[in-house]
Amino acid sequence: MLRSLSVRSGEAFFWATHGGAELDLLVVRKGKRLGFEFERSDHPTTTKSMHTALEDLRLERLTVVVPGRASYPLTERIDVRGLANVVDGSAGAKS
């Protein structure tokens, strides 16, 4: 995943709060923050952690990466992208 997004050393982080919210991958590049959650289900639902990350980190968008090639909006600011699309570059990093 990191290679597919061309993430360099020092640009990738795990993020968590004392309250229990977490984000699987936070990429900080050129002042922009990209948020990623990784789910096993092809049909994820939003979580409190996702909403907390969007607000606390001031993310414009958050991408939920799922198995396969599914790609669709989950909410106004949360997108679902299939891992196959992310890895082959066809989904981009819209977060």
Protein backbone atom coordinates (compact mmCIF):
# COMPACT_ATOMS: atom_id res chain seq x y z
CA MET A 1 0.00 0.00 0.00
CA LEU A 2 2.75 2.44 0.94
CA ARG A 3 4.65 1.66 -2.24
CA SER A 4 1.51 2.08 -4.35
CA LEU A 5 0.99 5.56 -2.89
CA SER A 6 4.72 6.40 -3.22
CA VAL A 7 4.88 7.15 0.50
CA ARG A 8 8.35 8.12 1.71
CA SER A 9 9.95 7.57 5.07
CA GLY A 10 8.53 10.02 7.58
CA GLU A 11 5.24 10.50 5.72
CA ALA A 12 3.24 7.54 7.13
CA PHE A 13 1.77 7.30 10.62
CA PHE A 14 -0.71 5.38 12.77
CA TRP A 15 -2.94 7.84 14.62
CA ALA A 16 -4.85 7.28 17.85
CA THR A 17 -6.43 9.32 20.62
CA HIS A 18 -6.59 8.70 24.36
CA GLY A 19 -10.34 8.28 23.87
CA GLY A 20 -9.83 5.22 21.66
CA ALA A 21 -10.32 6.67 18.18
CA GLU A 22 -7.75 5.51 15.65
CA LEU A 23 -6.80 5.74 12.00
CA ASP A 24 -4.91 2.88 10.36
CA LEU A 25 -2.82 5.08 8.07
CA LEU A 26 -2.23 8.81 8.04
CA VAL A 27 -0.06 10.09 5.20
CA VAL A 28 1.25 13.63 5.57
CA ARG A 29 2.68 15.00 2.35
CA LYS A 30 3.28 18.61 1.28
CA GLY A 31 1.02 19.90 4.04
CA LYS A 32 -1.86 17.63 3.01
CA ARG A 33 -3.21 14.86 5.25
CA LEU A 34 -4.54 11.65 3.68
CA GLY A 35 -6.48 9.26 5.93
CA PHE A 36 -6.95 5.53 5.31
CA GLU A 37 -8.84 2.79 7.14
CA PHE A 38 -8.46 -0.86 6.14
CA GLU A 39 -11.48 -3.15 6.45
CA ARG A 40 -11.96 -6.87 5.81
CA SER A 41 -15.57 -6.42 4.76
CA ASP A 42 -16.54 -5.44 1.21
CA HIS A 43 -19.39 -3.40 2.73
CA PRO A 44 -17.96 -1.27 5.55
CA THR A 45 -19.96 1.09 7.71
CA THR A 46 -18.82 4.35 9.20
CA THR A 47 -17.40 4.35 12.70
CA LYS A 48 -17.00 6.94 15.42
CA SER A 49 -13.22 6.70 14.87
CA MET A 50 -13.63 7.70 11.21
CA HIS A 51 -15.64 10.79 12.12
CA THR A 52 -13.23 11.71 14.91
CA ALA A 53 -10.26 11.40 12.53
CA LEU A 54 -12.00 13.56 9.92
CA GLU A 55 -12.60 16.31 12.46
CA ASP A 56 -9.49 16.11 14.66
CA LEU A 57 -7.06 15.80 11.75
CA ARG A 58 -9.05 18.19 9.55
CA LEU A 59 -9.13 15.65 6.71
CA GLU A 60 -10.98 16.73 3.62
CA ARG A 61 -11.75 13.07 2.86
CA LEU A 62 -11.06 9.64 4.30
CA THR A 63 -10.58 6.48 2.23
CA VAL A 64 -11.73 3.08 3.46
CA VAL A 65 -9.76 0.36 1.68
CA VAL A 66 -11.61 -2.96 1.21
CA PRO A 67 -10.79 -6.26 -0.53
CA GLY A 68 -11.45 -6.45 -4.26
CA ARG A 69 -12.25 -3.61 -6.63
CA ALA A 70 -15.32 -1.90 -5.12
CA SER A 71 -15.23 1.91 -5.30
CA TYR A 72 -18.06 4.12 -4.14
CA PRO A 73 -18.84 6.99 -1.77
CA LEU A 74 -19.82 5.86 1.73
CA THR A 75 -20.69 9.36 2.95
CA GLU A 76 -20.08 12.88 1.71
CA ARG A 77 -16.48 12.79 3.01
CA ILE A 78 -15.72 9.05 3.19
CA ASP A 79 -14.95 6.96 0.10
CA VAL A 80 -14.61 3.19 -0.26
CA ARG A 81 -11.83 1.99 -2.58
CA GLY A 82 -10.99 -1.60 -3.44
CA LEU A 83 -7.42 -2.59 -2.59
CA ALA A 84 -6.91 -3.82 -6.15
CA ASN A 85 -7.81 -0.34 -7.45
CA VAL A 86 -5.50 1.40 -5.00
CA VAL A 87 -2.59 -0.94 -5.71
CA ASP A 88 -2.89 -0.69 -9.49
CA GLY A 89 -3.33 3.08 -9.27
CA SER A 90 -6.80 3.32 -10.82
CA ALA A 91 -8.47 4.63 -7.66
CA GLY A 92 -5.95 7.32 -6.77
CA ALA A 93 -5.61 8.85 -3.36
CA LYS A 94 -8.61 11.11 -3.12
CA SER A 95 -8.40 11.61 0.63
